[in-house]
Amino acid sequence: MGLMTERKPPGVPFESWVEKQIRDAENRGEFDHLSGAGKPLPRDMEAAYDELWWVRRKLHREGVSVLPPGLALRKEAEDALAAALAAPSERAARRIIEDVNTKIRDMLLKPPPGPPLGQRPYDVEEIAHQWRERHQPAGGSHA
């Protein structure tokens, strides 16, 4: 009798019956060639079982932030700084910083519920200076 057609005998606890089906399938080698066999679980699944893992994965896949607004913007500000310093031009770097500064100022004026932002707008001139230092040709003179 196959796994799908076998019925739980009366009087056998459901859990024991399921465990036996799994053990029998393992013995037949039905789990041997599954994709991911022998590989670690994806990093986004916590080591301890989290019953909301599927919700977190779906939100992550769809780009939805599960952080409170202040913490989400703080993370966005960090990402914007890194993106600005790696931008292809000083103009692009300035635009990235100006955009995130607008969001930071808006949140400072209208704080949402949750933890405070704890982030000030960036000094655009300072970031532009850092960008120029990173992108100056080696051995080049200051222009």
Protein backbone atom coordinates (compact mmCIF):
# COMPACT_ATOMS: atom_id res chain seq x y z
CA MET A 1 0.00 0.00 0.00
CA GLY A 2 1.37 3.46 -0.92
CA LEU A 3 1.77 6.38 1.39
CA MET A 4 -1.15 8.30 -0.10
CA THR A 5 -3.66 5.43 -0.08
CA GLU A 6 -3.02 3.99 3.38
CA ARG A 7 -5.62 4.95 5.96
CA LYS A 8 -5.00 5.51 9.61
CA PRO A 9 -6.15 2.41 11.45
CA PRO A 10 -8.76 3.05 14.13
CA GLY A 11 -7.35 3.28 17.63
CA VAL A 12 -3.85 4.40 16.54
CA PRO A 13 -3.00 7.93 17.66
CA PHE A 14 -2.77 10.17 14.60
CA GLU A 15 0.71 11.44 15.52
CA SER A 16 2.12 7.89 15.82
CA TRP A 17 0.61 6.95 12.46
CA VAL A 18 2.13 10.02 10.75
CA GLU A 19 5.54 9.30 12.31
CA LYS A 20 5.34 5.71 11.01
CA GLN A 21 4.47 6.95 7.48
CA ILE A 22 7.48 9.29 7.56
CA ARG A 23 9.79 6.54 8.87
CA ASP A 24 8.56 4.11 6.18
CA ALA A 25 9.07 6.72 3.44
CA GLU A 26 12.59 7.43 4.77
CA ASN A 27 13.37 3.69 4.69
CA ARG A 28 12.18 3.51 1.08
CA GLY A 29 14.55 6.41 0.24
CA GLU A 30 11.77 8.79 -0.78
CA PHE A 31 13.49 11.75 0.92
CA ASP A 32 16.99 11.04 -0.42
CA HIS A 33 16.90 13.23 -3.51
CA LEU A 34 14.88 16.23 -2.40
CA SER A 35 16.27 19.63 -3.39
CA GLY A 36 18.11 21.10 -0.45
CA ALA A 37 18.85 17.70 1.12
CA GLY A 38 21.89 17.93 3.35
CA LYS A 39 22.06 21.72 3.02
CA PRO A 40 21.58 24.17 5.89
CA LEU A 41 18.26 25.93 6.26
CA PRO A 42 18.04 29.34 4.58
CA ARG A 43 19.68 32.08 6.65
CA ASP A 44 16.42 34.02 7.00
CA MET A 45 14.92 31.24 9.09
CA GLU A 46 15.85 31.68 12.72
CA ALA A 47 17.74 28.86 14.45
CA ALA A 48 14.88 28.47 16.91
CA TYR A 49 11.56 27.68 15.23
CA ASP A 50 9.52 30.78 14.55
CA GLU A 51 5.88 30.05 13.76
CA LEU A 52 5.66 33.29 11.75
CA TRP A 53 8.64 32.43 9.52
CA TRP A 54 6.42 32.20 6.45
CA VAL A 55 4.96 35.66 7.13
CA ARG A 56 8.44 37.14 7.51
CA ARG A 57 9.66 35.43 4.33
CA LYS A 58 6.64 36.67 2.33
CA LEU A 59 7.06 40.23 3.64
CA HIS A 60 10.80 40.07 2.86
CA ARG A 61 10.10 38.75 -0.66
CA GLU A 62 7.62 41.55 -1.28
CA GLY A 63 9.94 44.19 0.17
CA VAL A 64 7.62 45.07 3.03
CA SER A 65 9.31 46.47 6.12
CA VAL A 66 8.39 44.83 9.40
CA LEU A 67 10.42 47.36 11.39
CA PRO A 68 8.78 50.28 13.19
CA PRO A 69 8.96 53.40 10.96
CA GLY A 70 11.80 55.04 12.92
CA LEU A 71 13.98 51.94 12.79
CA ALA A 72 13.13 51.31 9.13
CA LEU A 73 14.18 54.87 8.22
CA ARG A 74 17.36 54.55 10.28
CA LYS A 75 18.22 51.42 8.24
CA GLU A 76 17.29 53.22 5.02
CA ALA A 77 19.57 56.13 6.03
CA GLU A 78 22.48 53.71 6.57
CA ASP A 79 21.82 52.09 3.20
CA ALA A 80 21.55 55.53 1.54
CA LEU A 81 24.91 56.60 2.98
CA ALA A 82 26.58 53.44 1.66
CA ALA A 83 24.88 53.91 -1.74
CA ALA A 84 25.92 57.58 -1.89
CA LEU A 85 29.56 56.79 -1.15
CA ALA A 86 29.51 54.13 -3.89
CA ALA A 87 27.54 56.27 -6.38
CA PRO A 88 28.94 56.69 -9.91
CA SER A 89 29.04 60.49 -9.63
CA GLU A 90 29.12 63.18 -6.97
CA ARG A 91 25.83 64.48 -8.35
CA ALA A 92 24.18 61.07 -7.83
CA ALA A 93 25.66 60.88 -4.30
CA ARG A 94 24.22 64.30 -3.45
CA ARG A 95 20.79 63.30 -4.80
CA ILE A 96 20.72 60.08 -2.71
CA ILE A 97 21.60 62.01 0.47
CA GLU A 98 19.15 64.85 -0.26
CA ASP A 99 16.34 62.32 -0.81
CA VAL A 100 16.96 60.49 2.47
CA ASN A 101 17.41 63.82 4.30
CA THR A 102 13.92 64.84 3.15
CA LYS A 103 12.49 61.66 4.70
CA ILE A 104 14.49 62.19 7.90
CA ARG A 105 13.29 65.82 8.25
CA ASP A 106 9.68 64.77 7.61
CA MET A 107 9.88 62.13 10.34
CA LEU A 108 11.53 64.55 12.77
CA LEU A 109 8.65 66.98 12.20
CA LYS A 110 5.93 64.30 12.47
CA PRO A 111 7.29 61.47 14.63
CA PRO A 112 5.41 58.20 14.13
CA PRO A 113 4.58 55.88 17.03
CA GLY A 114 7.40 53.58 18.06
CA PRO A 115 11.04 54.09 18.94
CA PRO A 116 12.48 57.53 18.15
CA LEU A 117 14.38 57.94 14.90
CA GLY A 118 17.70 58.81 16.54
CA GLN A 119 19.01 60.03 13.19
CA ARG A 120 19.83 63.54 12.03
CA PRO A 121 19.92 64.64 8.41
CA TYR A 122 23.33 64.10 6.83
CA ASP A 123 25.65 66.99 5.98
CA VAL A 124 25.49 66.84 2.18
CA GLU A 125 28.78 68.75 1.78
CA GLU A 126 30.56 66.33 4.14
CA ILE A 127 29.24 63.30 2.23
CA ALA A 128 30.21 64.91 -1.09
CA HIS A 129 33.73 65.49 0.31
CA GLN A 130 33.95 61.83 1.39
CA TRP A 131 32.72 60.78 -2.07
CA ARG A 132 35.45 62.87 -3.78
CA GLU A 133 38.12 61.37 -1.52
CA ARG A 134 36.99 57.81 -2.34
CA HIS A 135 36.78 58.43 -6.08
CA GLN A 136 39.94 60.48 -6.59
CA PRO A 137 42.32 58.72 -8.98
CA ALA A 138 45.35 57.27 -7.18
CA GLY A 139 48.21 59.77 -7.20
CA GLY A 140 45.93 62.49 -8.61
CA SER A 141 46.06 66.04 -7.37
CA HIS A 142 43.20 67.83 -5.65
CA ALA A 143 41.16 69.76 -8.19
